[in-house]
Amino acid sequence: MPQIERLIIEALTDYVSPTAAQNIYDRALRRSAVNPDALDAAGWLQFVTGPLLEELRNILPIREPTGSLRRLVRTLEESAQKEAAAQPAPRPARRGPPTIDAPRLQIDLSDPAARERLASSLAREEGVSGVLLQGPDYQEARLPGVEDLVPILAVVNSLLQKQKPYKIFYSVFGDGHVLIRPLGPALVAVVAKRQANLGRLMHVLNSYEAKGGQS
């Protein structure tokens, strides 16, 4: 999709300055952890209506794309439909052995040693600069220099839970990122540097499950 990045940034200038538009695009690209050179029309459509729009909503109270951004979405929808129509019909897959989903890693949150191991494991992930594990009567906080973030993360988790159950929350924080995941009665959060692989961190957070099936 030649020039698609330029078209996205130009569309964003309907809402913000060119510099801010570039920053929004860059943050959304890091959040999605995709290679723009490998995206087709469907991939760009998913990017624009997903991570890009979420980044824009972080700074502006909008629900749906408008103006140039809306026209760009329609163009991508048409291109994606044409690409799908041009694809050859898939061959029937050979029948093979059934696949089995790998079980999640169960964590006994009532065990202080298990909580400590979880916090240590997350802290060792590349790009992670801080970890918080907080429950009704316990807290494992490793947030050097940003200890004041603890009550803020707790409030964010509480507000999100009241709106609707969520799997994972992501936001820009300072010059990096913060990710929050509810884990049974607890919340698990990591603070990561800007260059961290967000896709990897989201996968790691989603791989845990509170003992008893609470996730």
N, C-alpha and C. Protein backbone atom coordinates (compact mmCIF):
# COMPACT_ATOMS: atom_id res chain seq x y z
N MET A 1 0.85 -1.20 0.00
CA MET A 1 0.00 0.00 0.00
C MET A 1 0.89 1.24 0.00
N PRO A 2 1.35 1.72 -1.19
CA PRO A 2 2.24 2.87 -1.24
C PRO A 2 1.56 4.13 -0.69
N GLN A 3 2.33 4.94 -0.01
CA GLN A 3 1.88 6.24 0.51
C GLN A 3 0.83 6.13 1.63
N ILE A 4 0.52 4.93 2.10
CA ILE A 4 -0.54 4.81 3.10
C ILE A 4 -0.16 5.53 4.40
N GLU A 5 1.11 5.45 4.79
CA GLU A 5 1.51 6.12 6.02
C GLU A 5 1.32 7.63 5.90
N ARG A 6 1.68 8.20 4.73
CA ARG A 6 1.50 9.63 4.51
C ARG A 6 0.03 10.00 4.55
N LEU A 7 -0.82 9.16 3.95
CA LEU A 7 -2.25 9.44 3.93
C LEU A 7 -2.85 9.40 5.33
N ILE A 8 -2.37 8.47 6.17
CA ILE A 8 -2.87 8.38 7.55
C ILE A 8 -2.51 9.64 8.32
N ILE A 9 -1.26 10.06 8.21
CA ILE A 9 -0.82 11.25 8.96
C ILE A 9 -1.54 12.49 8.47
N GLU A 10 -1.74 12.60 7.14
CA GLU A 10 -2.48 13.74 6.61
C GLU A 10 -3.91 13.75 7.12
N ALA A 11 -4.54 12.56 7.21
CA ALA A 11 -5.91 12.48 7.72
C ALA A 11 -5.97 12.90 9.19
N LEU A 12 -4.95 12.55 9.95
CA LEU A 12 -4.93 12.92 11.38
C LEU A 12 -4.80 14.41 11.59
N THR A 13 -4.24 15.12 10.59
CA THR A 13 -4.09 16.57 10.74
C THR A 13 -5.44 17.29 10.69
N ASP A 14 -6.52 16.57 10.37
CA ASP A 14 -7.86 17.16 10.53
C ASP A 14 -8.15 17.41 12.01
N TYR A 15 -7.48 16.66 12.88
CA TYR A 15 -7.75 16.74 14.32
C TYR A 15 -6.64 17.45 15.09
N VAL A 16 -5.39 17.20 14.71
CA VAL A 16 -4.25 17.70 15.49
C VAL A 16 -3.20 18.27 14.55
N SER A 17 -2.13 18.80 15.13
CA SER A 17 -1.03 19.36 14.34
C SER A 17 -0.27 18.24 13.64
N PRO A 18 0.50 18.55 12.58
CA PRO A 18 1.28 17.52 11.90
C PRO A 18 2.23 16.78 12.83
N THR A 19 2.85 17.50 13.78
CA THR A 19 3.76 16.84 14.72
C THR A 19 3.01 15.86 15.61
N ALA A 20 1.87 16.30 16.13
CA ALA A 20 1.05 15.42 16.98
C ALA A 20 0.53 14.23 16.17
N ALA A 21 0.18 14.47 14.91
CA ALA A 21 -0.30 13.38 14.06
C ALA A 21 0.77 12.31 13.88
N GLN A 22 2.00 12.74 13.68
CA GLN A 22 3.10 11.78 13.53
C GLN A 22 3.29 10.99 14.83
N ASN A 23 3.20 11.69 15.96
CA ASN A 23 3.37 11.02 17.26
C ASN A 23 2.26 9.99 17.50
N ILE A 24 1.03 10.34 17.15
CA ILE A 24 -0.09 9.41 17.31
C ILE A 24 0.13 8.17 16.45
N TYR A 25 0.54 8.39 15.23
CA TYR A 25 0.81 7.26 14.32
C TYR A 25 1.91 6.37 14.87
N ASP A 26 3.00 6.98 15.34
CA ASP A 26 4.13 6.20 15.86
C ASP A 26 3.73 5.40 17.08
N ARG A 27 2.95 6.00 18.00
CA ARG A 27 2.52 5.28 19.19
C ARG A 27 1.61 4.12 18.84
N ALA A 28 0.70 4.35 17.90
CA ALA A 28 -0.21 3.28 17.49
C ALA A 28 0.55 2.14 16.83
N LEU A 29 1.59 2.47 16.08
CA LEU A 29 2.39 1.44 15.42
C LEU A 29 3.12 0.60 16.46
N ARG A 30 3.67 1.25 17.47
CA ARG A 30 4.36 0.50 18.54
C ARG A 30 3.37 -0.34 19.32
N ARG A 31 2.18 0.21 19.55
CA ARG A 31 1.16 -0.52 20.32
C ARG A 31 0.73 -1.79 19.58
N SER A 32 0.58 -1.68 18.28
CA SER A 32 0.11 -2.84 17.52
C SER A 32 1.20 -3.86 17.27
N ALA A 33 2.47 -3.43 17.39
CA ALA A 33 3.61 -4.33 17.20
C ALA A 33 3.54 -5.05 15.85
N VAL A 34 3.21 -4.30 14.80
CA VAL A 34 3.15 -4.88 13.47
C VAL A 34 4.23 -4.27 12.59
N ASN A 35 4.55 -4.96 11.51
CA ASN A 35 5.50 -4.47 10.52
C ASN A 35 4.70 -3.80 9.41
N PRO A 36 4.78 -2.47 9.26
CA PRO A 36 3.96 -1.80 8.25
C PRO A 36 4.26 -2.26 6.83
N ASP A 37 5.49 -2.70 6.59
CA ASP A 37 5.85 -3.16 5.25
C ASP A 37 5.14 -4.46 4.88
N ALA A 38 4.62 -5.17 5.87
CA ALA A 38 3.98 -6.46 5.61
C ALA A 38 2.46 -6.37 5.58
N LEU A 39 1.89 -5.17 5.76
CA LEU A 39 0.44 -5.03 5.84
C LEU A 39 -0.19 -4.91 4.45
N ASP A 40 -1.32 -5.60 4.26
CA ASP A 40 -2.13 -5.40 3.08
C ASP A 40 -3.27 -4.44 3.45
N ALA A 41 -4.23 -4.28 2.55
CA ALA A 41 -5.32 -3.34 2.82
C ALA A 41 -6.10 -3.73 4.08
N ALA A 42 -6.37 -5.03 4.25
CA ALA A 42 -7.09 -5.48 5.43
C ALA A 42 -6.30 -5.20 6.71
N GLY A 43 -4.99 -5.38 6.63
CA GLY A 43 -4.14 -5.12 7.78
C GLY A 43 -4.13 -3.65 8.15
N TRP A 44 -4.04 -2.78 7.13
CA TRP A 44 -4.07 -1.34 7.40
C TRP A 44 -5.43 -0.91 7.94
N LEU A 45 -6.49 -1.53 7.42
CA LEU A 45 -7.83 -1.21 7.92
C LEU A 45 -7.95 -1.56 9.40
N GLN A 46 -7.44 -2.72 9.78
CA GLN A 46 -7.48 -3.14 11.18
C GLN A 46 -6.64 -2.20 12.04
N PHE A 47 -5.51 -1.75 11.50
CA PHE A 47 -4.64 -0.84 12.25
C PHE A 47 -5.32 0.52 12.47
N VAL A 48 -5.92 1.07 11.40
CA VAL A 48 -6.52 2.41 11.49
C VAL A 48 -7.74 2.40 12.41
N THR A 49 -8.60 1.38 12.28
CA THR A 49 -9.82 1.34 13.08
C THR A 49 -9.59 0.78 14.48
N GLY A 50 -8.40 0.26 14.73
CA GLY A 50 -8.07 -0.29 16.05
C GLY A 50 -7.09 0.59 16.80
N PRO A 51 -5.81 0.24 16.80
CA PRO A 51 -4.82 0.98 17.59
C PRO A 51 -4.75 2.48 17.29
N LEU A 52 -4.85 2.85 16.00
CA LEU A 52 -4.74 4.27 15.66
C LEU A 52 -5.91 5.06 16.23
N LEU A 53 -7.12 4.55 16.05
CA LEU A 53 -8.29 5.25 16.56
C LEU A 53 -8.28 5.30 18.09
N GLU A 54 -7.78 4.24 18.73
CA GLU A 54 -7.69 4.24 20.19
C GLU A 54 -6.73 5.32 20.68
N GLU A 55 -5.60 5.48 19.98
CA GLU A 55 -4.65 6.53 20.35
C GLU A 55 -5.28 7.90 20.19
N LEU A 56 -6.05 8.09 19.13
CA LEU A 56 -6.70 9.38 18.92
C LEU A 56 -7.74 9.64 20.00
N ARG A 57 -8.44 8.58 20.42
CA ARG A 57 -9.45 8.74 21.47
C ARG A 57 -8.83 9.05 22.82
N ASN A 58 -7.55 8.75 22.98
CA ASN A 58 -6.89 9.07 24.25
C ASN A 58 -6.75 10.56 24.46
N ILE A 59 -6.81 11.33 23.36
CA ILE A 59 -6.62 12.78 23.50
C ILE A 59 -7.84 13.58 23.05
N LEU A 60 -8.76 12.95 22.30
CA LEU A 60 -9.93 13.67 21.82
C LEU A 60 -11.19 12.85 22.08
N PRO A 61 -12.30 13.49 22.42
CA PRO A 61 -13.55 12.76 22.70
C PRO A 61 -14.31 12.43 21.41
N ILE A 62 -13.79 11.52 20.63
CA ILE A 62 -14.46 11.13 19.39
C ILE A 62 -14.87 9.67 19.48
N ARG A 63 -15.94 9.32 18.76
CA ARG A 63 -16.42 7.94 18.75
C ARG A 63 -16.06 7.24 17.45
N GLU A 64 -16.23 7.93 16.34
CA GLU A 64 -15.98 7.34 15.04
C GLU A 64 -15.12 8.29 14.21
N PRO A 65 -14.35 7.77 13.24
CA PRO A 65 -13.55 8.64 12.39
C PRO A 65 -14.43 9.55 11.54
N THR A 66 -13.96 10.75 11.29
CA THR A 66 -14.70 11.71 10.48
C THR A 66 -13.77 12.28 9.42
N GLY A 67 -14.34 13.04 8.49
CA GLY A 67 -13.54 13.76 7.50
C GLY A 67 -12.62 12.86 6.68
N SER A 68 -11.37 13.30 6.57
CA SER A 68 -10.39 12.58 5.76
C SER A 68 -10.13 11.18 6.30
N LEU A 69 -10.15 11.04 7.63
CA LEU A 69 -9.90 9.72 8.22
C LEU A 69 -11.03 8.75 7.87
N ARG A 70 -12.25 9.25 7.86
CA ARG A 70 -13.39 8.39 7.49
C ARG A 70 -13.30 7.98 6.03
N ARG A 71 -12.91 8.92 5.17
CA ARG A 71 -12.76 8.59 3.75
C ARG A 71 -11.65 7.57 3.54
N LEU A 72 -10.58 7.70 4.32
CA LEU A 72 -9.49 6.73 4.21
C LEU A 72 -9.95 5.34 4.64
N VAL A 73 -10.75 5.28 5.70
CA VAL A 73 -11.28 3.98 6.15
C VAL A 73 -12.14 3.34 5.06
N ARG A 74 -12.97 4.14 4.41
CA ARG A 74 -13.81 3.60 3.33
C ARG A 74 -12.96 3.09 2.17
N THR A 75 -11.90 3.84 1.84
CA THR A 75 -11.01 3.40 0.77
C THR A 75 -10.35 2.08 1.11
N LEU A 76 -9.90 1.95 2.36
CA LEU A 76 -9.28 0.70 2.79
C LEU A 76 -10.28 -0.45 2.79
N GLU A 77 -11.52 -0.16 3.18
CA GLU A 77 -12.55 -1.21 3.16
C GLU A 77 -12.77 -1.72 1.73
N GLU A 78 -12.84 -0.79 0.78
CA GLU A 78 -13.03 -1.19 -0.61
C GLU A 78 -11.83 -1.98 -1.12
N SER A 79 -10.62 -1.53 -0.78
CA SER A 79 -9.42 -2.23 -1.22
C SER A 79 -9.34 -3.62 -0.61
N ALA A 80 -9.71 -3.73 0.67
CA ALA A 80 -9.68 -5.03 1.34
C ALA A 80 -10.67 -6.00 0.70
N GLN A 81 -11.85 -5.49 0.32
CA GLN A 81 -12.85 -6.33 -0.34
C GLN A 81 -12.35 -6.83 -1.69
N LYS A 82 -11.68 -5.94 -2.43
CA LYS A 82 -11.15 -6.33 -3.73
C LYS A 82 -10.04 -7.36 -3.58
N GLU A 83 -9.18 -7.17 -2.59
CA GLU A 83 -8.10 -8.14 -2.35
C GLU A 83 -8.68 -9.51 -1.98
N ALA A 84 -9.72 -9.49 -1.13
CA ALA A 84 -10.32 -10.76 -0.71
C ALA A 84 -10.97 -11.47 -1.90
N ALA A 85 -11.61 -10.69 -2.79
CA ALA A 85 -12.27 -11.29 -3.95
C ALA A 85 -11.26 -11.87 -4.93
N ALA A 86 -10.05 -11.29 -4.94
CA ALA A 86 -9.03 -11.74 -5.88
C ALA A 86 -8.26 -12.95 -5.39
N GLN A 87 -8.45 -13.31 -4.12
CA GLN A 87 -7.74 -14.45 -3.57
C GLN A 87 -8.31 -15.75 -4.12
N PRO A 88 -7.47 -16.72 -4.47
CA PRO A 88 -7.98 -18.01 -4.93
C PRO A 88 -8.67 -18.76 -3.80
N ALA A 89 -9.62 -19.59 -4.17
CA ALA A 89 -10.34 -20.37 -3.16
C ALA A 89 -9.37 -21.28 -2.42
N PRO A 90 -9.43 -21.35 -1.12
CA PRO A 90 -8.50 -22.19 -0.37
C PRO A 90 -8.73 -23.66 -0.64
N ARG A 91 -7.65 -24.41 -0.68
CA ARG A 91 -7.76 -25.86 -0.83
C ARG A 91 -8.21 -26.49 0.48
N PRO A 92 -8.96 -27.58 0.40
CA PRO A 92 -9.35 -28.24 1.66
C PRO A 92 -8.13 -28.66 2.45
N ALA A 93 -8.14 -28.36 3.72
CA ALA A 93 -7.00 -28.69 4.56
C ALA A 93 -6.95 -30.19 4.80
N ARG A 94 -5.73 -30.70 4.83
CA ARG A 94 -5.58 -32.11 5.15
C ARG A 94 -5.95 -32.35 6.60
N ARG A 95 -6.64 -33.44 6.80
CA ARG A 95 -7.03 -33.76 8.17
C ARG A 95 -5.81 -34.27 8.94
N GLY A 96 -5.55 -33.68 10.06
CA GLY A 96 -4.41 -34.07 10.86
C GLY A 96 -4.83 -34.27 12.30
N PRO A 97 -3.88 -34.48 13.16
CA PRO A 97 -4.22 -34.66 14.58
C PRO A 97 -4.78 -33.38 15.16
N PRO A 98 -5.71 -33.49 16.09
CA PRO A 98 -6.30 -32.28 16.68
C PRO A 98 -5.25 -31.49 17.43
N THR A 99 -5.40 -30.15 17.37
CA THR A 99 -4.50 -29.29 18.11
C THR A 99 -5.05 -29.05 19.50
N ILE A 100 -4.19 -28.88 20.44
CA ILE A 100 -4.58 -28.67 21.83
C ILE A 100 -3.98 -27.36 22.29
N ASP A 101 -4.84 -26.44 22.76
CA ASP A 101 -4.35 -25.17 23.27
C ASP A 101 -3.53 -25.40 24.53
N ALA A 102 -2.40 -24.72 24.58
CA ALA A 102 -1.56 -24.84 25.77
C ALA A 102 -2.27 -24.20 26.96
N PRO A 103 -2.27 -24.83 28.12
CA PRO A 103 -2.94 -24.25 29.28
C PRO A 103 -2.23 -23.00 29.75
N ARG A 104 -2.99 -22.11 30.35
CA ARG A 104 -2.39 -20.93 30.94
C ARG A 104 -1.61 -21.32 32.19
N LEU A 105 -0.70 -20.42 32.56
CA LEU A 105 0.09 -20.65 33.77
C LEU A 105 -0.73 -20.20 34.98
N GLN A 106 -1.11 -21.14 35.81
CA GLN A 106 -1.94 -20.82 36.97
C GLN A 106 -1.07 -20.30 38.12
N ILE A 107 -1.54 -19.22 38.72
CA ILE A 107 -0.82 -18.59 39.84
C ILE A 107 -1.71 -18.63 41.07
N ASP A 108 -1.19 -19.17 42.16
CA ASP A 108 -1.91 -19.18 43.43
C ASP A 108 -1.63 -17.86 44.13
N LEU A 109 -2.54 -16.91 43.98
CA LEU A 109 -2.33 -15.57 44.50
C LEU A 109 -2.37 -15.51 46.02
N SER A 110 -2.84 -16.58 46.66
CA SER A 110 -2.84 -16.60 48.12
C SER A 110 -1.47 -16.96 48.68
N ASP A 111 -0.56 -17.38 47.80
CA ASP A 111 0.79 -17.81 48.20
C ASP A 111 1.78 -16.67 47.98
N PRO A 112 2.34 -16.10 49.04
CA PRO A 112 3.30 -15.00 48.88
C PRO A 112 4.48 -15.36 47.99
N ALA A 113 4.96 -16.59 48.08
CA ALA A 113 6.09 -17.00 47.26
C ALA A 113 5.71 -17.01 45.77
N ALA A 114 4.49 -17.44 45.47
CA ALA A 114 4.03 -17.44 44.08
C ALA A 114 3.89 -16.02 43.55
N ARG A 115 3.41 -15.14 44.39
CA ARG A 115 3.29 -13.73 43.97
C ARG A 115 4.67 -13.14 43.71
N GLU A 116 5.61 -13.48 44.57
CA GLU A 116 6.97 -12.95 44.40
C GLU A 116 7.60 -13.47 43.12
N ARG A 117 7.35 -14.74 42.80
CA ARG A 117 7.91 -15.33 41.57
C ARG A 117 7.30 -14.67 40.34
N LEU A 118 5.98 -14.39 40.40
CA LEU A 118 5.33 -13.74 39.27
C LEU A 118 5.90 -12.33 39.05
N ALA A 119 6.04 -11.57 40.13
CA ALA A 119 6.59 -10.22 40.02
C ALA A 119 8.01 -10.26 39.47
N SER A 120 8.81 -11.20 39.94
CA SER A 120 10.20 -11.32 39.48
C SER A 120 10.26 -11.70 38.01
N SER A 121 9.39 -12.62 37.60
CA SER A 121 9.37 -13.06 36.21
C SER A 121 9.02 -11.90 35.27
N LEU A 122 8.01 -11.11 35.65
CA LEU A 122 7.63 -9.98 34.82
C LEU A 122 8.72 -8.91 34.79
N ALA A 123 9.38 -8.72 35.91
CA ALA A 123 10.44 -7.70 35.98
C ALA A 123 11.62 -8.05 35.08
N ARG A 124 11.80 -9.34 34.80
CA ARG A 124 12.92 -9.76 33.95
C ARG A 124 12.62 -9.64 32.46
N GLU A 125 11.36 -9.37 32.10
CA GLU A 125 11.03 -9.22 30.69
C GLU A 125 11.75 -8.00 30.11
N GLU A 126 12.23 -8.15 28.89
CA GLU A 126 12.99 -7.07 28.25
C GLU A 126 12.13 -5.81 28.12
N GLY A 127 12.68 -4.69 28.56
CA GLY A 127 12.00 -3.40 28.45
C GLY A 127 11.14 -3.03 29.64
N VAL A 128 10.91 -3.96 30.58
CA VAL A 128 10.08 -3.68 31.75
C VAL A 128 10.90 -2.93 32.79
N SER A 129 10.36 -1.81 33.26
CA SER A 129 11.05 -1.00 34.27
C SER A 129 10.33 -1.00 35.61
N GLY A 130 9.12 -1.57 35.66
CA GLY A 130 8.40 -1.62 36.92
C GLY A 130 7.27 -2.64 36.87
N VAL A 131 6.94 -3.19 38.05
CA VAL A 131 5.90 -4.22 38.15
C VAL A 131 5.06 -3.96 39.40
N LEU A 132 3.75 -4.18 39.26
CA LEU A 132 2.86 -4.09 40.42
C LEU A 132 1.92 -5.28 40.40
N LEU A 133 1.81 -5.96 41.54
CA LEU A 133 0.83 -7.02 41.76
C LEU A 133 0.09 -6.66 43.04
N GLN A 134 -1.20 -6.36 42.91
CA GLN A 134 -1.96 -5.87 44.05
C GLN A 134 -3.28 -6.60 44.17
N GLY A 135 -3.58 -7.07 45.39
CA GLY A 135 -4.83 -7.76 45.67
C GLY A 135 -5.52 -7.16 46.87
N PRO A 136 -6.56 -7.81 47.36
CA PRO A 136 -7.33 -7.27 48.49
C PRO A 136 -6.49 -7.02 49.74
N ASP A 137 -5.50 -7.90 50.00
CA ASP A 137 -4.71 -7.75 51.22
C ASP A 137 -3.22 -7.98 50.98
N TYR A 138 -2.76 -7.73 49.79
CA TYR A 138 -1.33 -7.89 49.52
C TYR A 138 -0.91 -6.97 48.37
N GLN A 139 0.39 -6.73 48.32
CA GLN A 139 0.93 -5.87 47.27
C GLN A 139 2.40 -6.19 47.03
N GLU A 140 2.74 -6.44 45.77
CA GLU A 140 4.12 -6.59 45.34
C GLU A 140 4.39 -5.45 44.38
N ALA A 141 5.12 -4.44 44.84
CA ALA A 141 5.38 -3.26 44.01
C ALA A 141 6.87 -3.10 43.77
N ARG A 142 7.24 -3.05 42.52
CA ARG A 142 8.62 -2.78 42.12
C ARG A 142 8.58 -1.68 41.08
N LEU A 143 8.38 -0.47 41.56
CA LEU A 143 8.22 0.68 40.68
C LEU A 143 9.22 1.77 41.05
N PRO A 144 10.49 1.53 40.84
CA PRO A 144 11.51 2.51 41.24
C PRO A 144 11.30 3.86 40.56
N GLY A 145 11.15 4.88 41.39
CA GLY A 145 10.99 6.23 40.88
C GLY A 145 9.57 6.63 40.55
N VAL A 146 8.65 5.66 40.51
CA VAL A 146 7.25 5.99 40.19
C VAL A 146 6.31 5.30 41.18
N GLU A 147 6.70 5.29 42.45
CA GLU A 147 5.87 4.63 43.46
C GLU A 147 4.48 5.24 43.57
N ASP A 148 4.36 6.55 43.24
CA ASP A 148 3.06 7.21 43.32
C ASP A 148 2.08 6.68 42.29
N LEU A 149 2.56 5.84 41.38
CA LEU A 149 1.68 5.28 40.36
C LEU A 149 0.75 4.21 40.92
N VAL A 150 1.09 3.63 42.07
CA VAL A 150 0.32 2.51 42.63
C VAL A 150 -1.16 2.86 42.81
N PRO A 151 -1.52 3.94 43.52
CA PRO A 151 -2.96 4.22 43.69
C PRO A 151 -3.65 4.56 42.38
N ILE A 152 -2.91 5.15 41.43
CA ILE A 152 -3.51 5.50 40.14
C ILE A 152 -3.90 4.24 39.39
N LEU A 153 -3.00 3.24 39.39
CA LEU A 153 -3.29 1.99 38.70
C LEU A 153 -4.48 1.28 39.33
N ALA A 154 -4.57 1.34 40.65
CA ALA A 154 -5.70 0.72 41.34
C ALA A 154 -7.02 1.38 40.95
N VAL A 155 -7.01 2.71 40.85
CA VAL A 155 -8.22 3.44 40.47
C VAL A 155 -8.62 3.12 39.03
N VAL A 156 -7.62 3.09 38.13
CA VAL A 156 -7.89 2.77 36.72
C VAL A 156 -8.51 1.38 36.60
N ASN A 157 -7.94 0.41 37.31
CA ASN A 157 -8.48 -0.95 37.27
C ASN A 157 -9.91 -0.98 37.79
N SER A 158 -10.17 -0.27 38.88
CA SER A 158 -11.52 -0.26 39.46
C SER A 158 -12.53 0.35 38.50
N LEU A 159 -12.16 1.46 37.85
CA LEU A 159 -13.07 2.12 36.92
C LEU A 159 -13.36 1.24 35.70
N LEU A 160 -12.31 0.59 35.19
CA LEU A 160 -12.50 -0.28 34.03
C LEU A 160 -13.38 -1.47 34.37
N GLN A 161 -13.20 -2.04 35.55
CA GLN A 161 -14.01 -3.18 35.96
C GLN A 161 -15.48 -2.80 36.12
N LYS A 162 -15.74 -1.56 36.55
CA LYS A 162 -17.12 -1.12 36.73
C LYS A 162 -17.81 -0.91 35.38
N GLN A 163 -17.04 -0.44 34.38
CA GLN A 163 -17.62 -0.22 33.05
C GLN A 163 -18.01 -1.54 32.41
N LYS A 164 -17.05 -2.45 32.31
CA LYS A 164 -17.29 -3.79 31.78
C LYS A 164 -16.02 -4.60 32.01
N PRO A 165 -16.14 -5.92 32.14
CA PRO A 165 -14.94 -6.74 32.31
C PRO A 165 -13.99 -6.54 31.15
N TYR A 166 -12.71 -6.44 31.45
CA TYR A 166 -11.72 -6.22 30.41
C TYR A 166 -10.58 -7.22 30.56
N LYS A 167 -9.87 -7.46 29.46
CA LYS A 167 -8.76 -8.41 29.46
C LYS A 167 -7.43 -7.73 29.75
N ILE A 168 -7.20 -6.60 29.07
CA ILE A 168 -5.94 -5.90 29.26
C ILE A 168 -6.13 -4.43 28.89
N PHE A 169 -5.47 -3.55 29.61
CA PHE A 169 -5.54 -2.12 29.35
C PHE A 169 -4.14 -1.61 29.06
N TYR A 170 -4.04 -0.73 28.06
CA TYR A 170 -2.75 -0.18 27.68
C TYR A 170 -2.87 1.33 27.57
N SER A 171 -1.81 2.04 27.99
CA SER A 171 -1.79 3.49 27.82
C SER A 171 -0.34 3.97 27.77
N VAL A 172 -0.15 5.12 27.16
CA VAL A 172 1.16 5.76 27.17
C VAL A 172 1.38 6.34 28.56
N PHE A 173 2.57 6.19 29.09
CA PHE A 173 2.90 6.72 30.42
C PHE A 173 4.29 7.35 30.35
N GLY A 174 4.35 8.69 30.52
CA GLY A 174 5.64 9.36 30.46
C GLY A 174 6.30 9.11 29.12
N ASP A 175 7.52 8.60 29.16
CA ASP A 175 8.22 8.26 27.92
C ASP A 175 8.17 6.76 27.65
N GLY A 176 7.15 6.09 28.20
CA GLY A 176 7.02 4.65 27.99
C GLY A 176 5.56 4.24 27.95
N HIS A 177 5.27 3.07 28.50
CA HIS A 177 3.93 2.50 28.44
C HIS A 177 3.58 1.87 29.79
N VAL A 178 2.29 1.72 30.02
CA VAL A 178 1.82 0.97 31.18
C VAL A 178 0.72 0.02 30.70
N LEU A 179 0.78 -1.22 31.16
CA LEU A 179 -0.22 -2.23 30.82
C LEU A 179 -0.79 -2.79 32.11
N ILE A 180 -2.12 -2.96 32.16
CA ILE A 180 -2.80 -3.48 33.35
C ILE A 180 -3.65 -4.67 32.94
N ARG A 181 -3.58 -5.73 33.72
CA ARG A 181 -4.42 -6.91 33.47
C ARG A 181 -5.05 -7.36 34.78
N PRO A 182 -6.39 -7.54 34.80
CA PRO A 182 -7.02 -8.11 35.99
C PRO A 182 -6.69 -9.59 36.08
N LEU A 183 -6.37 -10.05 37.27
CA LEU A 183 -6.02 -11.46 37.45
C LEU A 183 -6.75 -11.96 38.69
N GLY A 184 -7.93 -12.53 38.46
CA GLY A 184 -8.75 -12.92 39.61
C GLY A 184 -9.09 -11.70 40.44
N PRO A 185 -8.85 -11.73 41.74
CA PRO A 185 -9.15 -10.59 42.59
C PRO A 185 -8.05 -9.53 42.57
N ALA A 186 -7.02 -9.76 41.80
CA ALA A 186 -5.86 -8.86 41.80
C ALA A 186 -5.75 -8.11 40.48
N LEU A 187 -4.82 -7.18 40.46
CA LEU A 187 -4.42 -6.55 39.21
C LEU A 187 -2.92 -6.74 39.06
N VAL A 188 -2.50 -6.95 37.84
CA VAL A 188 -1.08 -7.05 37.52
C VAL A 188 -0.78 -5.93 36.53
N ALA A 189 0.25 -5.16 36.79
CA ALA A 189 0.61 -4.06 35.90
C ALA A 189 2.10 -4.06 35.65
N VAL A 190 2.48 -3.66 34.45
CA VAL A 190 3.90 -3.48 34.14
C VAL A 190 4.07 -2.10 33.52
N VAL A 191 5.16 -1.46 33.90
CA VAL A 191 5.58 -0.21 33.29
C VAL A 191 6.76 -0.55 32.39
N ALA A 192 6.69 -0.15 31.13
CA ALA A 192 7.70 -0.55 30.15
C ALA A 192 8.29 0.66 29.46
N LYS A 193 9.52 0.49 29.00
CA LYS A 193 10.19 1.55 28.25
C LYS A 193 9.57 1.67 26.86
N ARG A 194 9.82 2.80 26.22
CA ARG A 194 9.23 3.07 24.91
C ARG A 194 9.58 2.01 23.89
N GLN A 195 10.81 1.49 23.94
CA GLN A 195 11.25 0.53 22.93
C GLN A 195 10.83 -0.90 23.23
N ALA A 196 10.09 -1.12 24.31
CA ALA A 196 9.67 -2.48 24.67
C ALA A 196 8.73 -3.04 23.61
N ASN A 197 8.74 -4.36 23.48
CA ASN A 197 7.86 -5.05 22.54
C ASN A 197 6.49 -5.24 23.21
N LEU A 198 5.54 -4.39 22.86
CA LEU A 198 4.23 -4.44 23.52
C LEU A 198 3.49 -5.73 23.21
N GLY A 199 3.64 -6.22 21.98
CA GLY A 199 2.99 -7.48 21.64
C GLY A 199 3.46 -8.60 22.53
N ARG A 200 4.76 -8.65 22.78
CA ARG A 200 5.32 -9.68 23.65
C ARG A 200 4.79 -9.52 25.08
N LEU A 201 4.75 -8.30 25.60
CA LEU A 201 4.30 -8.08 26.98
C LEU A 201 2.82 -8.42 27.13
N MET A 202 2.00 -8.07 26.13
CA MET A 202 0.59 -8.43 26.19
C MET A 202 0.42 -9.95 26.20
N HIS A 203 1.20 -10.62 25.37
CA HIS A 203 1.13 -12.08 25.33
C HIS A 203 1.51 -12.68 26.68
N VAL A 204 2.56 -12.15 27.29
CA VAL A 204 3.00 -12.67 28.59
C VAL A 204 1.93 -12.45 29.64
N LEU A 205 1.37 -11.25 29.72
CA LEU A 205 0.34 -10.97 30.71
C LEU A 205 -0.88 -11.86 30.51
N ASN A 206 -1.24 -12.10 29.26
CA ASN A 206 -2.40 -12.93 28.98
C ASN A 206 -2.16 -14.41 29.24
N SER A 207 -0.90 -14.79 29.43
CA SER A 207 -0.59 -16.21 29.62
C SER A 207 -0.83 -16.68 31.06
N TYR A 208 -1.11 -15.73 31.98
CA TYR A 208 -1.31 -16.10 33.38
C TYR A 208 -2.80 -16.21 33.72
N GLU A 209 -3.08 -17.04 34.68
CA GLU A 209 -4.44 -17.25 35.16
C GLU A 209 -4.38 -17.48 36.67
N ALA A 210 -5.29 -16.81 37.38
CA ALA A 210 -5.35 -17.03 38.82
C ALA A 210 -5.85 -18.44 39.09
N LYS A 211 -5.26 -19.11 40.07
CA LYS A 211 -5.65 -20.48 40.39
C LYS A 211 -7.14 -20.52 40.71
N GLY A 212 -7.81 -21.49 40.10
CA GLY A 212 -9.25 -21.59 40.25
C GLY A 212 -9.99 -21.16 39.00
N GLY A 213 -9.17 -20.75 37.96
CA GLY A 213 -9.79 -20.39 36.68
C GLY A 213 -10.12 -18.93 36.53
N GLN A 214 -9.80 -18.10 37.50
CA GLN A 214 -10.08 -16.68 37.38
C GLN A 214 -8.99 -16.06 36.54
N SER A 215 -9.40 -15.35 35.49
CA SER A 215 -8.42 -14.74 34.60
C SER A 215 -8.77 -13.29 34.31
